[in-house]
C-alpha atoms as a PDB file:
ATOM      1  CA  UNK A   1      12.998 -64.358   5.708  1.00  0.00           C
ATOM      2  CA  UNK A   2      15.930 -62.236   6.762  1.00  0.00           C
ATOM      3  CA  UNK A   3      15.647 -60.091   3.689  1.00  0.00           C
ATOM      4  CA  UNK A   4      11.924 -59.523   4.357  1.00  0.00           C
ATOM      5  CA  UNK A   5      12.565 -58.511   7.976  1.00  0.00           C
ATOM      6  CA  UNK A   6      15.287 -56.116   6.814  1.00  0.00           C
ATOM      7  CA  UNK A   7      12.957 -54.542   4.291  1.00  0.00           C
ATOM      8  CA  UNK A   8      10.229 -54.099   6.873  1.00  0.00           C
ATOM      9  CA  UNK A   9      12.663 -52.522   9.309  1.00  0.00           C
ATOM     10  CA  UNK A  10      14.032 -50.242   6.606  1.00  0.00           C
ATOM     11  CA  UNK A  11      10.498 -49.182   5.640  1.00  0.00           C
ATOM     12  CA  UNK A  12       9.710 -48.479   9.339  1.00  0.00           C
ATOM     13  CA  UNK A  13      12.816 -46.334   9.771  1.00  0.00           C
ATOM     14  CA  UNK A  14      11.972 -44.515   6.529  1.00  0.00           C
ATOM     15  CA  UNK A  15       8.442 -43.822   7.780  1.00  0.00           C
ATOM     16  CA  UNK A  16       9.779 -42.578  11.102  1.00  0.00           C
ATOM     17  CA  UNK A  17      12.234 -40.125   9.631  1.00  0.00           C
ATOM     18  CA  UNK A  18      10.018 -39.038   6.698  1.00  0.00           C
ATOM     19  CA  UNK A  19       8.467 -36.067   8.595  1.00  0.00           C
ATOM     20  CA  UNK A  20      11.973 -34.627   8.918  1.00  0.00           C
ATOM     21  CA  UNK A  21      12.922 -35.257   5.291  1.00  0.00           C
ATOM     22  CA  UNK A  22      10.163 -34.591   2.670  1.00  0.00           C
ATOM     23  CA  UNK A  23       7.890 -32.131   4.460  1.00  0.00           C
ATOM     24  CA  UNK A  24      10.702 -29.564   4.677  1.00  0.00           C
ATOM     25  CA  UNK A  25      11.142 -29.662   0.920  1.00  0.00           C
ATOM     26  CA  UNK A  26       7.405 -29.504   0.427  1.00  0.00           C
ATOM     27  CA  UNK A  27       7.058 -26.577   2.806  1.00  0.00           C
ATOM     28  CA  UNK A  28      10.000 -24.807   1.156  1.00  0.00           C
ATOM     29  CA  UNK A  29       8.478 -25.302  -2.286  1.00  0.00           C
ATOM     30  CA  UNK A  30       5.118 -24.189  -0.956  1.00  0.00           C
ATOM     31  CA  UNK A  31       6.678 -21.089   0.672  1.00  0.00           C
ATOM     32  CA  UNK A  32       8.522 -20.244  -2.523  1.00  0.00           C
ATOM     33  CA  UNK A  33       5.348 -20.608  -4.609  1.00  0.00           C
ATOM     34  CA  UNK A  34       3.423 -18.516  -2.101  1.00  0.00           C
ATOM     35  CA  UNK A  35       6.113 -15.846  -2.184  1.00  0.00           C
ATOM     36  CA  UNK A  36       6.054 -15.684  -5.967  1.00  0.00           C
ATOM     37  CA  UNK A  37       2.213 -15.516  -6.099  1.00  0.00           C
ATOM     38  CA  UNK A  38       2.384 -12.925  -3.328  1.00  0.00           C
ATOM     39  CA  UNK A  39       4.664 -10.741  -5.515  1.00  0.00           C
ATOM     40  CA  UNK A  40       2.121 -11.046  -8.369  1.00  0.00           C
ATOM     41  CA  UNK A  41      -0.716 -10.266  -6.009  1.00  0.00           C
ATOM     42  CA  UNK A  42       1.167  -7.169  -4.731  1.00  0.00           C
ATOM     43  CA  UNK A  43       1.737  -6.062  -8.343  1.00  0.00           C
ATOM     44  CA  UNK A  44      -1.947  -6.454  -9.164  1.00  0.00           C
ATOM     45  CA  UNK A  45      -2.900  -4.487  -5.979  1.00  0.00           C
ATOM     46  CA  UNK A  46      -0.428  -1.695  -6.795  1.00  0.00           C
ATOM     47  CA  UNK A  47      -1.873  -1.475 -10.304  1.00  0.00           C
ATOM     48  CA  UNK A  48      -5.390  -1.240  -8.896  1.00  0.00           C
ATOM     49  CA  UNK A  49      -6.551  -4.414 -10.636  1.00  0.00           C
ATOM     50  CA  UNK A  50      -9.100  -6.196  -8.492  1.00  0.00           C
ATOM     51  CA  UNK A  51     -10.952  -9.457  -9.012  1.00  0.00           C
ATOM     52  CA  UNK A  52      -8.008 -11.168 -10.779  1.00  0.00           C
ATOM     53  CA  UNK A  53      -6.354 -14.096  -9.026  1.00  0.00           C
ATOM     54  CA  UNK A  54      -2.478 -14.172  -9.167  1.00  0.00           C
ATOM     55  CA  UNK A  55      -2.522 -17.757 -10.505  1.00  0.00           C
ATOM     56  CA  UNK A  56      -4.975 -16.744 -13.273  1.00  0.00           C
ATOM     57  CA  UNK A  57      -2.661 -13.836 -14.252  1.00  0.00           C
ATOM     58  CA  UNK A  58       0.389 -16.167 -14.379  1.00  0.00           C
ATOM     59  CA  UNK A  59      -1.586 -18.534 -16.607  1.00  0.00           C
ATOM     60  CA  UNK A  60      -2.642 -15.655 -18.866  1.00  0.00           C
ATOM     61  CA  UNK A  61       1.046 -14.569 -19.197  1.00  0.00           C
ATOM     62  CA  UNK A  62       2.080 -18.108 -20.216  1.00  0.00           C
ATOM     63  CA  UNK A  63      -0.774 -18.357 -22.671  1.00  0.00           C
ATOM     64  CA  UNK A  64       0.094 -15.018 -24.288  1.00  0.00           C
ATOM     65  CA  UNK A  65       3.764 -16.044 -24.517  1.00  0.00           C
ATOM     66  CA  UNK A  66       2.925 -19.326 -26.274  1.00  0.00           C
ATOM     67  CA  UNK A  67       0.479 -17.560 -28.657  1.00  0.00           C
ATOM     68  CA  UNK A  68       3.048 -14.840 -29.456  1.00  0.00           C
ATOM     69  CA  UNK A  69       5.719 -17.404 -30.270  1.00  0.00           C
ATOM     70  CA  UNK A  70       3.418 -19.455 -32.472  1.00  0.00           C
ATOM     71  CA  UNK A  71       2.075 -16.419 -34.307  1.00  0.00           C
ATOM     72  CA  UNK A  72       5.616 -15.127 -34.966  1.00  0.00           C
ATOM     73  CA  UNK A  73       6.708 -18.467 -36.253  1.00  0.00           C
ATOM     74  CA  UNK A  74       3.779 -18.548 -38.625  1.00  0.00           C
ATOM     75  CA  UNK A  75       4.352 -15.010 -39.971  1.00  0.00           C
ATOM     76  CA  UNK A  76       8.182 -14.951 -39.841  1.00  0.00           C
ATOM     77  CA  UNK A  77       9.794 -18.338 -40.417  1.00  0.00           C
ATOM     78  CA  UNK A  78      12.815 -17.693 -38.178  1.00  0.00           C
ATOM     79  CA  UNK A  79      13.175 -20.318 -35.469  1.00  0.00           C
ATOM     80  CA  UNK A  80      15.385 -18.240 -33.195  1.00  0.00           C
ATOM     81  CA  UNK A  81      12.925 -15.404 -33.356  1.00  0.00           C
ATOM     82  CA  UNK A  82       9.956 -17.363 -32.058  1.00  0.00           C
ATOM     83  CA  UNK A  83      11.132 -17.861 -28.430  1.00  0.00           C
ATOM     84  CA  UNK A  84      12.250 -14.224 -28.332  1.00  0.00           C
ATOM     85  CA  UNK A  85       8.781 -13.166 -29.464  1.00  0.00           C
ATOM     86  CA  UNK A  86       7.303 -15.525 -26.923  1.00  0.00           C
ATOM     87  CA  UNK A  87       9.294 -13.959 -24.073  1.00  0.00           C
ATOM     88  CA  UNK A  88       8.448 -10.451 -25.215  1.00  0.00           C
ATOM     89  CA  UNK A  89       4.761 -11.284 -25.523  1.00  0.00           C
ATOM     90  CA  UNK A  90       4.780 -12.832 -22.037  1.00  0.00           C
ATOM     91  CA  UNK A  91       6.528  -9.772 -20.548  1.00  0.00           C
ATOM     92  CA  UNK A  92       4.124  -7.275 -22.128  1.00  0.00           C
ATOM     93  CA  UNK A  93       1.290  -7.859 -19.573  1.00  0.00           C
ATOM     94  CA  UNK A  94       3.776  -7.534 -16.727  1.00  0.00           C
ATOM     95  CA  UNK A  95       5.171  -4.320 -18.191  1.00  0.00           C
ATOM     96  CA  UNK A  96       1.649  -3.050 -18.645  1.00  0.00           C
ATOM     97  CA  UNK A  97       0.848  -3.729 -15.019  1.00  0.00           C
ATOM     98  CA  UNK A  98       3.991  -2.045 -13.857  1.00  0.00           C
ATOM     99  CA  UNK A  99       3.260   0.996 -16.013  1.00  0.00           C
ATOM    100  CA  UNK A 100      -0.285   1.119 -14.587  1.00  0.00           C
ATOM    101  CA  UNK A 101       1.084   0.776 -11.068  1.00  0.00           C
ATOM    102  CA  UNK A 102       3.602   3.612 -11.660  1.00  0.00           C
ATOM    103  CA  UNK A 103       0.858   5.831 -13.122  1.00  0.00           C
ATOM    104  CA  UNK A 104      -1.380   5.008 -10.128  1.00  0.00           C
ATOM    105  CA  UNK A 105       1.405   5.847  -7.717  1.00  0.00           C
ATOM    106  CA  UNK A 106       2.090   9.185  -9.416  1.00  0.00           C
ATOM    107  CA  UNK A 107      -1.637  10.013  -9.333  1.00  0.00           C
ATOM    108  CA  UNK A 108      -1.905   9.051  -5.629  1.00  0.00           C
ATOM    109  CA  UNK A 109       1.199  11.045  -4.771  1.00  0.00           C
ATOM    110  CA  UNK A 110      -0.818  14.233  -5.124  1.00  0.00           C
ATOM    111  CA  UNK A 111      -3.703  12.821  -3.097  1.00  0.00           C
ATOM    112  CA  UNK A 112      -1.962  11.719   0.128  1.00  0.00           C
ATOM    113  CA  UNK A 113      -1.400  15.228   1.557  1.00  0.00           C
ATOM    114  CA  UNK A 114      -5.143  15.882   1.367  1.00  0.00           C
ATOM    115  CA  UNK A 115      -5.795  12.548   3.093  1.00  0.00           C
ATOM    116  CA  UNK A 116      -3.430  13.489   5.893  1.00  0.00           C
ATOM    117  CA  UNK A 117      -5.070  16.880   6.181  1.00  0.00           C
ATOM    118  CA  UNK A 118      -8.487  15.313   6.513  1.00  0.00           C
ATOM    119  CA  UNK A 119      -7.157  12.963   9.180  1.00  0.00           C
ATOM    120  CA  UNK A 120      -5.632  15.890  11.034  1.00  0.00           C
ATOM    121  CA  UNK A 121      -8.896  17.799  10.880  1.00  0.00           C
ATOM    122  CA  UNK A 122     -10.841  14.849  12.234  1.00  0.00           C
ATOM    123  CA  UNK A 123      -8.458  14.313  15.144  1.00  0.00           C
ATOM    124  CA  UNK A 124      -8.487  18.005  15.977  1.00  0.00           C
ATOM    125  CA  UNK A 125     -12.278  18.054  15.975  1.00  0.00           C
ATOM    126  CA  UNK A 126     -12.237  15.416  18.751  1.00  0.00           C
ATOM    127  CA  UNK A 127     -12.876  12.225  16.785  1.00  0.00           C
ATOM    128  CA  UNK A 128     -11.191   9.040  17.876  1.00  0.00           C
ATOM    129  CA  UNK A 129      -8.568   7.555  15.530  1.00  0.00           C
ATOM    130  CA  UNK A 130     -10.904   4.866  14.105  1.00  0.00           C
ATOM    131  CA  UNK A 131     -13.676   7.358  13.576  1.00  0.00           C
ATOM    132  CA  UNK A 132     -11.274   9.744  11.888  1.00  0.00           C
ATOM    133  CA  UNK A 133     -10.243   7.035   9.446  1.00  0.00           C
ATOM    134  CA  UNK A 134     -13.899   6.018   8.881  1.00  0.00           C
ATOM    135  CA  UNK A 135     -14.739   9.657   7.998  1.00  0.00           C
ATOM    136  CA  UNK A 136     -12.305   9.384   5.037  1.00  0.00           C
ATOM    137  CA  UNK A 137     -14.797   7.081   3.352  1.00  0.00           C
ATOM    138  CA  UNK A 138     -16.671  10.255   2.324  1.00  0.00           C
ATOM    139  CA  UNK A 139     -14.075  13.026   2.876  1.00  0.00           C
ATOM    140  CA  UNK A 140     -11.153  11.507   1.106  1.00  0.00           C
ATOM    141  CA  UNK A 141     -10.442  12.193  -2.611  1.00  0.00           C
ATOM    142  CA  UNK A 142     -12.363   9.896  -4.947  1.00  0.00           C
ATOM    143  CA  UNK A 143      -9.219   7.962  -5.968  1.00  0.00           C
ATOM    144  CA  UNK A 144      -8.850   6.411  -2.532  1.00  0.00           C
ATOM    145  CA  UNK A 145     -12.432   6.451  -1.243  1.00  0.00           C
ATOM    146  CA  UNK A 146     -13.212   2.816  -2.024  1.00  0.00           C
ATOM    147  CA  UNK A 147     -10.472   1.308   0.242  1.00  0.00           C
ATOM    148  CA  UNK A 148     -11.623   3.591   3.078  1.00  0.00           C
ATOM    149  CA  UNK A 149     -15.201   2.479   2.494  1.00  0.00           C
ATOM    150  CA  UNK A 150     -14.028  -1.095   2.786  1.00  0.00           C
ATOM    151  CA  UNK A 151     -12.287  -0.152   6.037  1.00  0.00           C
ATOM    152  CA  UNK A 152     -15.527   1.353   7.312  1.00  0.00           C
ATOM    153  CA  UNK A 153     -17.464  -1.818   6.443  1.00  0.00           C
ATOM    154  CA  UNK A 154     -14.868  -4.054   8.079  1.00  0.00           C
ATOM    155  CA  UNK A 155     -14.576  -1.914  11.276  1.00  0.00           C
ATOM    156  CA  UNK A 156     -18.371  -1.596  11.648  1.00  0.00           C
ATOM    157  CA  UNK A 157     -18.807  -5.315  11.196  1.00  0.00           C
ATOM    158  CA  UNK A 158     -15.964  -6.585  13.380  1.00  0.00           C
ATOM    159  CA  UNK A 159     -14.820  -3.614  15.529  1.00  0.00           C
ATOM    160  CA  UNK A 160     -11.294  -4.919  15.130  1.00  0.00           C
ATOM    161  CA  UNK A 161      -9.125  -1.946  14.396  1.00  0.00           C
ATOM    162  CA  UNK A 162      -5.837  -3.773  13.695  1.00  0.00           C
ATOM    163  CA  UNK A 163      -7.359  -6.320  11.223  1.00  0.00           C
ATOM    164  CA  UNK A 164      -9.340  -3.550   9.434  1.00  0.00           C
ATOM    165  CA  UNK A 165      -6.107  -1.490   9.236  1.00  0.00           C
ATOM    166  CA  UNK A 166      -4.245  -4.449   7.700  1.00  0.00           C
ATOM    167  CA  UNK A 167      -6.954  -4.871   5.064  1.00  0.00           C
ATOM    168  CA  UNK A 168      -6.836  -1.137   4.330  1.00  0.00           C
ATOM    169  CA  UNK A 169      -3.042  -1.340   3.885  1.00  0.00           C
ATOM    170  CA  UNK A 170      -3.383  -4.276   1.534  1.00  0.00           C
ATOM    171  CA  UNK A 171      -6.088  -2.537  -0.584  1.00  0.00           C
ATOM    172  CA  UNK A 172      -4.165   0.709  -0.873  1.00  0.00           C
ATOM    173  CA  UNK A 173      -0.857  -1.019  -1.742  1.00  0.00           C
ATOM    174  CA  UNK A 174       1.167   2.197  -1.705  1.00  0.00           C
ATOM    175  CA  UNK A 175       4.385   3.084   0.186  1.00  0.00           C
ATOM    176  CA  UNK A 176       3.055   6.469   1.304  1.00  0.00           C
ATOM    177  CA  UNK A 177      -0.151   4.778   2.566  1.00  0.00           C
ATOM    178  CA  UNK A 178       2.055   2.279   4.435  1.00  0.00           C
ATOM    179  CA  UNK A 179       3.818   5.143   6.167  1.00  0.00           C
ATOM    180  CA  UNK A 180       0.573   6.835   7.141  1.00  0.00           C
ATOM    181  CA  UNK A 181      -0.987   3.586   8.340  1.00  0.00           C
ATOM    182  CA  UNK A 182       1.994   2.547  10.403  1.00  0.00           C
ATOM    183  CA  UNK A 183       2.125   5.983  12.000  1.00  0.00           C
ATOM    184  CA  UNK A 184      -1.587   5.662  12.943  1.00  0.00           C
ATOM    185  CA  UNK A 185      -1.005   2.171  14.196  1.00  0.00           C
ATOM    186  CA  UNK A 186       1.838   3.303  16.472  1.00  0.00           C
ATOM    187  CA  UNK A 187      -0.248   6.218  17.742  1.00  0.00           C
ATOM    188  CA  UNK A 188      -3.076   3.782  18.517  1.00  0.00           C
ATOM    189  CA  UNK A 189      -0.793   1.379  20.403  1.00  0.00           C
ATOM    190  CA  UNK A 190       1.401   3.767  22.400  1.00  0.00           C
ATOM    191  CA  UNK A 191      -0.793   6.883  22.514  1.00  0.00           C
ATOM    192  CA  UNK A 192       0.687  10.343  22.823  1.00  0.00           C
ATOM    193  CA  UNK A 193      -0.215  13.923  22.041  1.00  0.00           C
ATOM    194  CA  UNK A 194       2.222  14.429  19.192  1.00  0.00           C
ATOM    195  CA  UNK A 195       0.131  12.779  16.477  1.00  0.00           C
ATOM    196  CA  UNK A 196      -1.187  16.109  15.094  1.00  0.00           C
ATOM    197  CA  UNK A 197       2.329  17.506  14.860  1.00  0.00           C
ATOM    198  CA  UNK A 198       3.560  14.307  13.133  1.00  0.00           C
ATOM    199  CA  UNK A 199       0.692  14.419  10.650  1.00  0.00           C
ATOM    200  CA  UNK A 200       1.240  18.071   9.920  1.00  0.00           C
ATOM    201  CA  UNK A 201       4.971  17.490   9.266  1.00  0.00           C
ATOM    202  CA  UNK A 202       4.125  14.508   7.095  1.00  0.00           C
ATOM    203  CA  UNK A 203       1.705  16.520   5.035  1.00  0.00           C
ATOM    204  CA  UNK A 204       4.317  19.178   4.361  1.00  0.00           C
ATOM    205  CA  UNK A 205       6.917  16.549   3.432  1.00  0.00           C
ATOM    206  CA  UNK A 206       4.528  14.769   1.062  1.00  0.00           C
ATOM    207  CA  UNK A 207       3.679  17.952  -0.797  1.00  0.00           C
ATOM    208  CA  UNK A 208       7.366  18.938  -1.214  1.00  0.00           C
ATOM    209  CA  UNK A 209       8.263  15.422  -2.357  1.00  0.00           C
ATOM    210  CA  UNK A 210       5.394  15.291  -4.866  1.00  0.00           C
ATOM    211  CA  UNK A 211       6.477  18.638  -6.315  1.00  0.00           C
ATOM    212  CA  UNK A 212      10.105  17.618  -6.745  1.00  0.00           C
ATOM    213  CA  UNK A 213       9.264  14.209  -8.194  1.00  0.00           C
ATOM    214  CA  UNK A 214       6.845  15.703 -10.650  1.00  0.00           C
ATOM    215  CA  UNK A 215       9.400  18.128 -11.976  1.00  0.00           C
ATOM    216  CA  UNK A 216      12.219  15.559 -12.240  1.00  0.00           C
ATOM    217  CA  UNK A 217       9.875  12.984 -13.761  1.00  0.00           C
ATOM    218  CA  UNK A 218       8.897  15.420 -16.489  1.00  0.00           C
ATOM    219  CA  UNK A 219      12.555  16.127 -17.254  1.00  0.00           C
ATOM    220  CA  UNK A 220      13.460  12.463 -17.442  1.00  0.00           C
ATOM    221  CA  UNK A 221      10.521  11.341 -19.595  1.00  0.00           C
ATOM    222  CA  UNK A 222      12.622  11.742 -22.775  1.00  0.00           C
ATOM    223  CA  UNK A 223      15.134   9.157 -21.452  1.00  0.00           C
ATOM    224  CA  UNK A 224      12.403   6.605 -21.114  1.00  0.00           C
ATOM    225  CA  UNK A 225      11.008   7.403 -24.521  1.00  0.00           C
ATOM    226  CA  UNK A 226      14.470   7.063 -26.094  1.00  0.00           C
ATOM    227  CA  UNK A 227      14.945   3.688 -24.309  1.00  0.00           C
ATOM    228  CA  UNK A 228      11.691   2.309 -25.639  1.00  0.00           C
ATOM    229  CA  UNK A 229      12.406   3.550 -29.175  1.00  0.00           C
ATOM    230  CA  UNK A 230      15.922   2.086 -29.062  1.00  0.00           C
ATOM    231  CA  UNK A 231      14.554  -1.331 -27.975  1.00  0.00           C
ATOM    232  CA  UNK A 232      11.690  -1.587 -30.457  1.00  0.00           C
ATOM    233  CA  UNK A 233      13.301  -0.269 -33.638  1.00  0.00           C
ATOM    234  CA  UNK A 234      15.990  -2.957 -34.352  1.00  0.00           C
ATOM    235  CA  UNK A 235      13.454  -5.778 -33.742  1.00  0.00           C
ATOM    236  CA  UNK A 236      10.942  -4.209 -36.158  1.00  0.00           C
ATOM    237  CA  UNK A 237      13.697  -4.173 -38.769  1.00  0.00           C
ATOM    238  CA  UNK A 238      14.535  -7.797 -37.957  1.00  0.00           C
ATOM    239  CA  UNK A 239      10.928  -8.894 -38.345  1.00  0.00           C
ATOM    240  CA  UNK A 240      10.653  -7.123 -41.672  1.00  0.00           C
ATOM    241  CA  UNK A 241      13.905  -8.751 -42.886  1.00  0.00           C
ATOM    242  CA  UNK A 242      12.723 -12.156 -41.648  1.00  0.00           C
ATOM    243  CA  UNK A 243       9.790 -12.057 -44.074  1.00  0.00           C
ATOM    244  CA  UNK A 244      12.232 -12.418 -46.997  1.00  0.00           C
ATOM    245  CA  UNK A 245      13.207 -16.089 -47.742  1.00  0.00           C
ATOM    246  CA  UNK A 246      16.948 -15.429 -48.031  1.00  0.00           C
ATOM    247  CA  UNK A 247      17.083 -13.452 -44.795  1.00  0.00           C
ATOM    248  CA  UNK A 248      14.981 -16.155 -43.021  1.00  0.00           C
ATOM    249  CA  UNK A 249      17.440 -18.825 -44.232  1.00  0.00           C
ATOM    250  CA  UNK A 250      20.353 -16.761 -42.942  1.00  0.00           C
ATOM    251  CA  UNK A 251      18.839 -16.280 -39.496  1.00  0.00           C
ATOM    252  CA  UNK A 252      17.848 -19.965 -39.282  1.00  0.00           C
ATOM    253  CA  UNK A 253      21.531 -20.900 -39.389  1.00  0.00           C
ATOM    254  CA  UNK A 254      23.596 -21.305 -36.189  1.00  0.00           C
ATOM    255  CA  UNK A 255      25.271 -17.933 -36.696  1.00  0.00           C
ATOM    256  CA  UNK A 256      21.933 -16.276 -37.191  1.00  0.00           C
ATOM    257  CA  UNK A 257      20.518 -17.823 -34.062  1.00  0.00           C
ATOM    258  CA  UNK A 258      23.545 -16.695 -32.044  1.00  0.00           C
ATOM    259  CA  UNK A 259      23.109 -13.218 -33.452  1.00  0.00           C
ATOM    260  CA  UNK A 260      19.466 -13.097 -32.388  1.00  0.00           C
ATOM    261  CA  UNK A 261      20.223 -14.314 -28.877  1.00  0.00           C
ATOM    262  CA  UNK A 262      23.173 -11.955 -28.422  1.00  0.00           C
ATOM    263  CA  UNK A 263      21.054  -9.087 -29.779  1.00  0.00           C
ATOM    264  CA  UNK A 264      18.321  -9.878 -27.293  1.00  0.00           C
ATOM    265  CA  UNK A 265      20.804  -9.870 -24.414  1.00  0.00           C
ATOM    266  CA  UNK A 266      22.370  -6.610 -25.526  1.00  0.00           C
ATOM    267  CA  UNK A 267      18.951  -5.051 -25.941  1.00  0.00           C
ATOM    268  CA  UNK A 268      17.809  -6.061 -22.430  1.00  0.00           C
ATOM    269  CA  UNK A 269      20.998  -4.760 -20.795  1.00  0.00           C
ATOM    270  CA  UNK A 270      20.916  -1.455 -22.701  1.00  0.00           C
ATOM    271  CA  UNK A 271      17.231  -0.980 -21.893  1.00  0.00           C
ATOM    272  CA  UNK A 272      17.729  -1.681 -18.213  1.00  0.00           C
ATOM    273  CA  UNK A 273      20.637   0.762 -18.076  1.00  0.00           C
ATOM    274  CA  UNK A 274      18.736   3.554 -19.771  1.00  0.00           C
ATOM    275  CA  UNK A 275      15.647   3.020 -17.596  1.00  0.00           C
ATOM    276  CA  UNK A 276      17.853   2.996 -14.440  1.00  0.00           C
ATOM    277  CA  UNK A 277      19.417   6.329 -15.476  1.00  0.00           C
ATOM    278  CA  UNK A 278      15.979   7.882 -15.933  1.00  0.00           C
ATOM    279  CA  UNK A 279      14.302   6.400 -12.875  1.00  0.00           C
ATOM    280  CA  UNK A 280      13.940   8.090  -9.515  1.00  0.00           C
ATOM    281  CA  UNK A 281      14.407   5.880  -6.452  1.00  0.00           C
ATOM    282  CA  UNK A 282      11.054   4.712  -5.186  1.00  0.00           C
ATOM    283  CA  UNK A 283      10.239   4.090  -1.580  1.00  0.00           C
ATOM    284  CA  UNK A 284       9.626   0.457  -0.690  1.00  0.00           C
ATOM    285  CA  UNK A 285       6.599  -1.015   1.071  1.00  0.00           C
ATOM    286  CA  UNK A 286       6.560  -0.915   4.881  1.00  0.00           C
ATOM    287  CA  UNK A 287       6.144  -4.064   7.038  1.00  0.00           C
ATOM    288  CA  UNK A 288       4.428  -6.181   4.422  1.00  0.00           C
END
């Protein structure tokens, strides 16, 4: 009887303190999972890929990795090469998205000065700030018209400027757009007569920055090309050697597996160093 009472009391104490024990871990795991999926969602938005859920993209990456490892093991009977191929195959969609996002950012860099000029013209003509942004649905360059059309639909339906502006910021997913939107938000909140001057200065700065970045990017393109060639060439040779039975037997030994793993590590470090040398610093997102 004493043991039963003790167990009941222990269960009661456990139930009392459980909200302060497990929910924290669950919330922490949920927050970490949300943060990771948020990073994937931001990458998809920056790449201009719509209609794809972050979880679906993660599942696709895992599926491609498993398929790449299995196919490599079938074609090249080197056990140590299969996980390497799986990792490479899984990383390829991410690299493709990043390349698409970088290309989109370069293309939009030449567009933002025109967007700022259209905003400035609308404000000078006497339009209110929401109406000036709404006018960009037709006046903005075609590359960014759809997000501004979505802003127009949201603002006409809800008349909530802040929420529509947040949606516009999410859809554009660009650091320069963040700067423009936060400038407009501040002008909306605190008012002031300096907004045309600020927009004019911002337009001049964006044009100068785009010109400098375009020139430097063209000069550094050979560094990126050399990095990619230096990464791919040794592994193509390894795959070709692995098709020979004697080479496959050598790479299936402990020494061969260590050589493959060390080669992968050296390749990744060298690639990251070369890319870092040929990359311009990119502005981060504002107030995400």
